[in-house]
Amino acid sequence: MSPDNTDPDPRNTPGLEPGGSVPPGETPPGEASTASGTGPRNEPPRGWAKGPVIVILVVAALCAALFLAMALSLAL
């Protein structure tokens, strides 16, 4: 192995057959055998928070006022 190449030499890698294939039993399982969460599960809150609803209503009211003002200015 040269000092410039940091990859392991495939000829010295354990668990490889000639040609680079892996024998049966050498590969890890497809998924973990243990669960990741073991404690009580907290459910996320449902519904909308008050802040985003207020912001949406204010933006909608401003848009409605803008269109009303434009309609009134065109009618006059």
PDB file of N, CA and C in Angstrom:
ATOM      1  N   MET A   1       0.849  -1.167   0.000  1.00  0.00           N
ATOM      2  CA  MET A   1       0.000   0.000   0.000  1.00  0.00           C
ATOM      3  C   MET A   1       0.897   1.234   0.000  1.00  0.00           C
ATOM      4  N   SER A   2       0.620   2.140  -0.902  1.00  0.00           N
ATOM      5  CA  SER A   2       1.441   3.344  -0.990  1.00  0.00           C
ATOM      6  C   SER A   2       0.967   4.370   0.039  1.00  0.00           C
ATOM      7  N   PRO A   3       1.811   5.305   0.444  1.00  0.00           N
ATOM      8  CA  PRO A   3       1.424   6.311   1.442  1.00  0.00           C
ATOM      9  C   PRO A   3       0.332   7.240   0.927  1.00  0.00           C
ATOM     10  N   ASP A   4       0.184   7.382  -0.406  1.00  0.00           N
ATOM     11  CA  ASP A   4      -0.826   8.279  -0.956  1.00  0.00           C
ATOM     12  C   ASP A   4      -2.214   7.643  -0.958  1.00  0.00           C
ATOM     13  N   ASN A   5      -2.305   6.325  -0.996  1.00  0.00           N
ATOM     14  CA  ASN A   5      -3.583   5.634  -1.069  1.00  0.00           C
ATOM     15  C   ASN A   5      -3.965   5.155   0.325  1.00  0.00           C
ATOM     16  N   THR A   6      -5.079   5.642   0.862  1.00  0.00           N
ATOM     17  CA  THR A   6      -5.507   5.261   2.208  1.00  0.00           C
ATOM     18  C   THR A   6      -6.519   4.121   2.197  1.00  0.00           C
ATOM     19  N   ASP A   7      -6.923   3.642   1.005  1.00  0.00           N
ATOM     20  CA  ASP A   7      -7.854   2.524   0.925  1.00  0.00           C
ATOM     21  C   ASP A   7      -7.156   1.238   1.361  1.00  0.00           C
ATOM     22  N   PRO A   8      -7.880   0.336   2.042  1.00  0.00           N
ATOM     23  CA  PRO A   8      -7.255  -0.931   2.435  1.00  0.00           C
ATOM     24  C   PRO A   8      -6.991  -1.804   1.216  1.00  0.00           C
ATOM     25  N   ASP A   9      -5.980  -2.611   1.323  1.00  0.00           N
ATOM     26  CA  ASP A   9      -5.627  -3.518   0.237  1.00  0.00           C
ATOM     27  C   ASP A   9      -6.653  -4.651   0.198  1.00  0.00           C
ATOM     28  N   PRO A  10      -7.382  -4.824  -0.924  1.00  0.00           N
ATOM     29  CA  PRO A  10      -8.410  -5.866  -0.977  1.00  0.00           C
ATOM     30  C   PRO A  10      -7.854  -7.270  -0.833  1.00  0.00           C
ATOM     31  N   ARG A  11      -6.568  -7.460  -1.090  1.00  0.00           N
ATOM     32  CA  ARG A  11      -5.978  -8.796  -0.928  1.00  0.00           C
ATOM     33  C   ARG A  11      -5.853  -9.164   0.538  1.00  0.00           C
ATOM     34  N   ASN A  12      -5.823  -8.166   1.434  1.00  0.00           N
ATOM     35  CA  ASN A  12      -5.665  -8.421   2.867  1.00  0.00           C
ATOM     36  C   ASN A  12      -6.952  -8.200   3.654  1.00  0.00           C
ATOM     37  N   THR A  13      -8.070  -7.941   2.985  1.00  0.00           N
ATOM     38  CA  THR A  13      -9.324  -7.686   3.676  1.00  0.00           C
ATOM     39  C   THR A  13      -9.957  -9.014   4.074  1.00  0.00           C
ATOM     40  N   PRO A  14     -10.257  -9.220   5.368  1.00  0.00           N
ATOM     41  CA  PRO A  14     -10.851 -10.481   5.795  1.00  0.00           C
ATOM     42  C   PRO A  14     -12.303 -10.582   5.319  1.00  0.00           C
ATOM     43  N   GLY A  15     -12.745 -11.806   5.051  1.00  0.00           N
ATOM     44  CA  GLY A  15     -14.128 -12.042   4.676  1.00  0.00           C
ATOM     45  C   GLY A  15     -14.414 -11.928   3.201  1.00  0.00           C
ATOM     46  N   LEU A  16     -13.401 -11.735   2.378  1.00  0.00           N
ATOM     47  CA  LEU A  16     -13.622 -11.657   0.932  1.00  0.00           C
ATOM     48  C   LEU A  16     -13.086 -12.906   0.261  1.00  0.00           C
ATOM     49  N   GLU A  17     -13.859 -13.385  -0.700  1.00  0.00           N
ATOM     50  CA  GLU A  17     -13.403 -14.505  -1.506  1.00  0.00           C
ATOM     51  C   GLU A  17     -12.657 -13.967  -2.719  1.00  0.00           C
ATOM     52  N   PRO A  18     -11.945 -14.810  -3.428  1.00  0.00           N
ATOM     53  CA  PRO A  18     -11.283 -14.337  -4.640  1.00  0.00           C
ATOM     54  C   PRO A  18     -12.302 -13.739  -5.611  1.00  0.00           C
ATOM     55  N   GLY A  19     -11.978 -12.615  -6.161  1.00  0.00           N
ATOM     56  CA  GLY A  19     -12.893 -11.909  -7.052  1.00  0.00           C
ATOM     57  C   GLY A  19     -13.696 -10.837  -6.343  1.00  0.00           C
ATOM     58  N   GLY A  20     -13.593 -10.759  -5.022  1.00  0.00           N
ATOM     59  CA  GLY A  20     -14.254  -9.698  -4.270  1.00  0.00           C
ATOM     60  C   GLY A  20     -15.628 -10.030  -3.741  1.00  0.00           C
ATOM     61  N   SER A  21     -16.106 -11.259  -3.950  1.00  0.00           N
ATOM     62  CA  SER A  21     -17.433 -11.595  -3.434  1.00  0.00           C
ATOM     63  C   SER A  21     -17.356 -11.897  -1.941  1.00  0.00           C
ATOM     64  N   VAL A  22     -18.499 -11.857  -1.295  1.00  0.00           N
ATOM     65  CA  VAL A  22     -18.573 -12.084   0.151  1.00  0.00           C
ATOM     66  C   VAL A  22     -19.246 -13.427   0.383  1.00  0.00           C
ATOM     67  N   PRO A  23     -18.647 -14.302   1.201  1.00  0.00           N
ATOM     68  CA  PRO A  23     -19.268 -15.603   1.456  1.00  0.00           C
ATOM     69  C   PRO A  23     -20.536 -15.443   2.301  1.00  0.00           C
ATOM     70  N   PRO A  24     -21.457 -16.410   2.225  1.00  0.00           N
ATOM     71  CA  PRO A  24     -22.670 -16.344   3.036  1.00  0.00           C
ATOM     72  C   PRO A  24     -22.334 -16.301   4.518  1.00  0.00           C
ATOM     73  N   GLY A  25     -23.069 -15.514   5.254  1.00  0.00           N
ATOM     74  CA  GLY A  25     -22.852 -15.393   6.690  1.00  0.00           C
ATOM     75  C   GLY A  25     -21.918 -14.262   7.069  1.00  0.00           C
ATOM     76  N   GLU A  26     -21.247 -13.651   6.122  1.00  0.00           N
ATOM     77  CA  GLU A  26     -20.322 -12.561   6.414  1.00  0.00           C
ATOM     78  C   GLU A  26     -20.994 -11.190   6.413  1.00  0.00           C
ATOM     79  N   THR A  27     -22.149 -11.088   5.777  1.00  0.00           N
ATOM     80  CA  THR A  27     -22.807  -9.786   5.694  1.00  0.00           C
ATOM     81  C   THR A  27     -23.634  -9.547   6.946  1.00  0.00           C
ATOM     82  N   PRO A  28     -23.784  -8.315   7.371  1.00  0.00           N
ATOM     83  CA  PRO A  28     -24.590  -8.015   8.549  1.00  0.00           C
ATOM     84  C   PRO A  28     -26.084  -8.199   8.239  1.00  0.00           C
ATOM     85  N   PRO A  29     -26.915  -8.342   9.261  1.00  0.00           N
ATOM     86  CA  PRO A  29     -28.353  -8.482   9.007  1.00  0.00           C
ATOM     87  C   PRO A  29     -28.911  -7.221   8.358  1.00  0.00           C
ATOM     88  N   GLY A  30     -30.021  -7.371   7.659  1.00  0.00           N
ATOM     89  CA  GLY A  30     -30.629  -6.256   6.946  1.00  0.00           C
ATOM     90  C   GLY A  30     -31.167  -5.185   7.859  1.00  0.00           C
ATOM     91  N   GLU A  31     -31.541  -5.534   9.082  1.00  0.00           N
ATOM     92  CA  GLU A  31     -32.067  -4.547  10.018  1.00  0.00           C
ATOM     93  C   GLU A  31     -31.653  -4.935  11.432  1.00  0.00           C
ATOM     94  N   ALA A  32     -31.768  -3.976  12.326  1.00  0.00           N
ATOM     95  CA  ALA A  32     -31.355  -4.224  13.708  1.00  0.00           C
ATOM     96  C   ALA A  32     -32.311  -5.200  14.378  1.00  0.00           C
ATOM     97  N   SER A  33     -31.799  -5.962  15.294  1.00  0.00           N
ATOM     98  CA  SER A  33     -32.636  -6.929  15.995  1.00  0.00           C
ATOM     99  C   SER A  33     -33.211  -6.352  17.277  1.00  0.00           C
ATOM    100  N   THR A  34     -32.820  -5.156  17.642  1.00  0.00           N
ATOM    101  CA  THR A  34     -33.359  -4.521  18.837  1.00  0.00           C
ATOM    102  C   THR A  34     -34.077  -3.238  18.444  1.00  0.00           C
ATOM    103  N   ALA A  35     -35.069  -2.875  19.225  1.00  0.00           N
ATOM    104  CA  ALA A  35     -35.813  -1.642  18.969  1.00  0.00           C
ATOM    105  C   ALA A  35     -34.998  -0.441  19.442  1.00  0.00           C
ATOM    106  N   SER A  36     -35.181   0.692  18.778  1.00  0.00           N
ATOM    107  CA  SER A  36     -34.403   1.869  19.146  1.00  0.00           C
ATOM    108  C   SER A  36     -35.024   2.619  20.318  1.00  0.00           C
ATOM    109  N   GLY A  37     -36.337   2.688  20.397  1.00  0.00           N
ATOM    110  CA  GLY A  37     -36.976   3.419  21.488  1.00  0.00           C
ATOM    111  C   GLY A  37     -37.544   2.464  22.508  1.00  0.00           C
ATOM    112  N   THR A  38     -37.176   2.649  23.785  1.00  0.00           N
ATOM    113  CA  THR A  38     -37.650   1.741  24.807  1.00  0.00           C
ATOM    114  C   THR A  38     -38.504   2.433  25.858  1.00  0.00           C
ATOM    115  N   GLY A  39     -38.530   3.739  25.869  1.00  0.00           N
ATOM    116  CA  GLY A  39     -39.286   4.463  26.886  1.00  0.00           C
ATOM    117  C   GLY A  39     -40.703   4.744  26.440  1.00  0.00           C
ATOM    118  N   PRO A  40     -41.450   5.471  27.276  1.00  0.00           N
ATOM    119  CA  PRO A  40     -42.814   5.831  26.884  1.00  0.00           C
ATOM    120  C   PRO A  40     -42.790   6.784  25.695  1.00  0.00           C
ATOM    121  N   ARG A  41     -43.766   6.623  24.832  1.00  0.00           N
ATOM    122  CA  ARG A  41     -43.822   7.430  23.612  1.00  0.00           C
ATOM    123  C   ARG A  41     -44.701   8.646  23.848  1.00  0.00           C
ATOM    124  N   ASN A  42     -44.162   9.824  23.585  1.00  0.00           N
ATOM    125  CA  ASN A  42     -44.923  11.059  23.734  1.00  0.00           C
ATOM    126  C   ASN A  42     -45.575  11.397  22.402  1.00  0.00           C
ATOM    127  N   GLU A  43     -46.880  11.563  22.417  1.00  0.00           N
ATOM    128  CA  GLU A  43     -47.609  11.911  21.204  1.00  0.00           C
ATOM    129  C   GLU A  43     -47.433  13.405  20.927  1.00  0.00           C
ATOM    130  N   PRO A  44     -47.225  13.790  19.666  1.00  0.00           N
ATOM    131  CA  PRO A  44     -47.101  15.211  19.336  1.00  0.00           C
ATOM    132  C   PRO A  44     -48.458  15.903  19.489  1.00  0.00           C
ATOM    133  N   PRO A  45     -48.446  17.179  19.802  1.00  0.00           N
ATOM    134  CA  PRO A  45     -49.719  17.892  19.952  1.00  0.00           C
ATOM    135  C   PRO A  45     -50.458  17.963  18.620  1.00  0.00           C
ATOM    136  N   ARG A  46     -51.772  17.934  18.700  1.00  0.00           N
ATOM    137  CA  ARG A  46     -52.596  17.996  17.493  1.00  0.00           C
ATOM    138  C   ARG A  46     -53.140  19.403  17.320  1.00  0.00           C
ATOM    139  N   GLY A  47     -53.513  19.709  16.089  1.00  0.00           N
ATOM    140  CA  GLY A  47     -54.142  20.984  15.809  1.00  0.00           C
ATOM    141  C   GLY A  47     -53.122  22.074  15.502  1.00  0.00           C
ATOM    142  N   TRP A  48     -53.639  23.249  15.259  1.00  0.00           N
ATOM    143  CA  TRP A  48     -52.810  24.401  14.922  1.00  0.00           C
ATOM    144  C   TRP A  48     -52.513  25.208  16.173  1.00  0.00           C
ATOM    145  N   ALA A  49     -51.352  25.796  16.196  1.00  0.00           N
ATOM    146  CA  ALA A  49     -51.010  26.721  17.278  1.00  0.00           C
ATOM    147  C   ALA A  49     -51.703  28.053  17.009  1.00  0.00           C
ATOM    148  N   LYS A  50     -51.874  28.846  18.033  1.00  0.00           N
ATOM    149  CA  LYS A  50     -52.591  30.118  17.880  1.00  0.00           C
ATOM    150  C   LYS A  50     -51.806  31.123  17.046  1.00  0.00           C
ATOM    151  N   GLY A  51     -50.485  31.133  17.174  1.00  0.00           N
ATOM    152  CA  GLY A  51     -49.664  32.112  16.460  1.00  0.00           C
ATOM    153  C   GLY A  51     -49.782  32.012  14.946  1.00  0.00           C
ATOM    154  N   PRO A  52     -49.565  30.833  14.341  1.00  0.00           N
ATOM    155  CA  PRO A  52     -49.680  30.725  12.882  1.00  0.00           C
ATOM    156  C   PRO A  52     -51.086  31.049  12.367  1.00  0.00           C
ATOM    157  N   VAL A  53     -52.123  30.675  13.131  1.00  0.00           N
ATOM    158  CA  VAL A  53     -53.495  30.972  12.702  1.00  0.00           C
ATOM    159  C   VAL A  53     -53.711  32.477  12.674  1.00  0.00           C
ATOM    160  N   ILE A  54     -53.226  33.180  13.681  1.00  0.00           N
ATOM    161  CA  ILE A  54     -53.380  34.639  13.722  1.00  0.00           C
ATOM    162  C   ILE A  54     -52.649  35.288  12.557  1.00  0.00           C
ATOM    163  N   VAL A  55     -51.433  34.824  12.268  1.00  0.00           N
ATOM    164  CA  VAL A  55     -50.662  35.395  11.157  1.00  0.00           C
ATOM    165  C   VAL A  55     -51.384  35.162   9.828  1.00  0.00           C
ATOM    166  N   ILE A  56     -51.925  33.976   9.623  1.00  0.00           N
ATOM    167  CA  ILE A  56     -52.643  33.674   8.383  1.00  0.00           C
ATOM    168  C   ILE A  56     -53.876  34.553   8.255  1.00  0.00           C
ATOM    169  N   LEU A  57     -54.625  34.730   9.354  1.00  0.00           N
ATOM    170  CA  LEU A  57     -55.819  35.574   9.306  1.00  0.00           C
ATOM    171  C   LEU A  57     -55.469  37.033   9.028  1.00  0.00           C
ATOM    172  N   VAL A  58     -54.391  37.533   9.603  1.00  0.00           N
ATOM    173  CA  VAL A  58     -53.979  38.923   9.363  1.00  0.00           C
ATOM    174  C   VAL A  58     -53.569  39.107   7.899  1.00  0.00           C
ATOM    175  N   VAL A  59     -52.809  38.168   7.347  1.00  0.00           N
ATOM    176  CA  VAL A  59     -52.399  38.269   5.942  1.00  0.00           C
ATOM    177  C   VAL A  59     -53.620  38.194   5.029  1.00  0.00           C
ATOM    178  N   ALA A  60     -54.573  37.328   5.330  1.00  0.00           N
ATOM    179  CA  ALA A  60     -55.791  37.219   4.524  1.00  0.00           C
ATOM    180  C   ALA A  60     -56.605  38.508   4.602  1.00  0.00           C
ATOM    181  N   ALA A  61     -56.692  39.118   5.784  1.00  0.00           N
ATOM    182  CA  ALA A  61     -57.436  40.374   5.929  1.00  0.00           C
ATOM    183  C   ALA A  61     -56.745  41.495   5.159  1.00  0.00           C
ATOM    184  N   LEU A  62     -55.418  41.539   5.186  1.00  0.00           N
ATOM    185  CA  LEU A  62     -54.701  42.567   4.424  1.00  0.00           C
ATOM    186  C   LEU A  62     -54.897  42.382   2.919  1.00  0.00           C
ATOM    187  N   CYS A  63     -54.884  41.142   2.453  1.00  0.00           N
ATOM    188  CA  CYS A  63     -55.125  40.890   1.021  1.00  0.00           C
ATOM    189  C   CYS A  63     -56.539  41.293   0.637  1.00  0.00           C
ATOM    190  N   ALA A  64     -57.521  40.964   1.479  1.00  0.00           N
ATOM    191  CA  ALA A  64     -58.906  41.345   1.199  1.00  0.00           C
ATOM    192  C   ALA A  64     -59.051  42.859   1.175  1.00  0.00           C
ATOM    193  N   ALA A  65     -58.400  43.554   2.105  1.00  0.00           N
ATOM    194  CA  ALA A  65     -58.468  45.017   2.131  1.00  0.00           C
ATOM    195  C   ALA A  65     -57.810  45.604   0.885  1.00  0.00           C
ATOM    196  N   LEU A  66     -56.717  45.025   0.432  1.00  0.00           N
ATOM    197  CA  LEU A  66     -56.042  45.499  -0.776  1.00  0.00           C
ATOM    198  C   LEU A  66     -56.945  45.352  -1.996  1.00  0.00           C
ATOM    199  N   PHE A  67     -57.583  44.178  -2.143  1.00  0.00           N
ATOM    200  CA  PHE A  67     -58.475  43.977  -3.284  1.00  0.00           C
ATOM    201  C   PHE A  67     -59.707  44.875  -3.200  1.00  0.00           C
ATOM    202  N   LEU A  68     -60.217  45.098  -2.016  1.00  0.00           N
ATOM    203  CA  LEU A  68     -61.350  46.003  -1.847  1.00  0.00           C
ATOM    204  C   LEU A  68     -60.958  47.425  -2.226  1.00  0.00           C
ATOM    205  N   ALA A  69     -59.785  47.850  -1.804  1.00  0.00           N
ATOM    206  CA  ALA A  69     -59.317  49.194  -2.154  1.00  0.00           C
ATOM    207  C   ALA A  69     -59.108  49.317  -3.656  1.00  0.00           C
ATOM    208  N   MET A  70     -58.580  48.299  -4.293  1.00  0.00           N
ATOM    209  CA  MET A  70     -58.388  48.343  -5.749  1.00  0.00           C
ATOM    210  C   MET A  70     -59.739  48.394  -6.472  1.00  0.00           C
ATOM    211  N   ALA A  71     -60.713  47.637  -6.005  1.00  0.00           N
ATOM    212  CA  ALA A  71     -62.030  47.631  -6.626  1.00  0.00           C
ATOM    213  C   ALA A  71     -62.706  48.989  -6.463  1.00  0.00           C
ATOM    214  N   LEU A  72     -62.567  49.584  -5.289  1.00  0.00           N
ATOM    215  CA  LEU A  72     -63.169  50.898  -5.059  1.00  0.00           C
ATOM    216  C   LEU A  72     -62.483  51.983  -5.898  1.00  0.00           C
ATOM    217  N   SER A  73     -61.163  51.873  -6.062  1.00  0.00           N
ATOM    218  CA  SER A  73     -60.467  52.896  -6.839  1.00  0.00           C
ATOM    219  C   SER A  73     -60.803  52.776  -8.319  1.00  0.00           C
ATOM    220  N   LEU A  74     -61.070  51.565  -8.821  1.00  0.00           N
ATOM    221  CA  LEU A  74     -61.456  51.386 -10.215  1.00  0.00           C
ATOM    222  C   LEU A  74     -62.913  51.797 -10.452  1.00  0.00           C
ATOM    223  N   ALA A  75     -63.761  51.663  -9.448  1.00  0.00           N
ATOM    224  CA  ALA A  75     -65.180  52.008  -9.582  1.00  0.00           C
ATOM    225  C   ALA A  75     -65.390  53.518  -9.564  1.00  0.00           C
ATOM    226  N   LEU A  76     -64.522  54.238  -8.934  1.00  0.00           N
ATOM    227  CA  LEU A  76     -64.704  55.690  -8.837  1.00  0.00           C
ATOM    228  C   LEU A  76     -64.167  56.398 -10.016  1.00  0.00           C
TER     229      LEU A  76
END
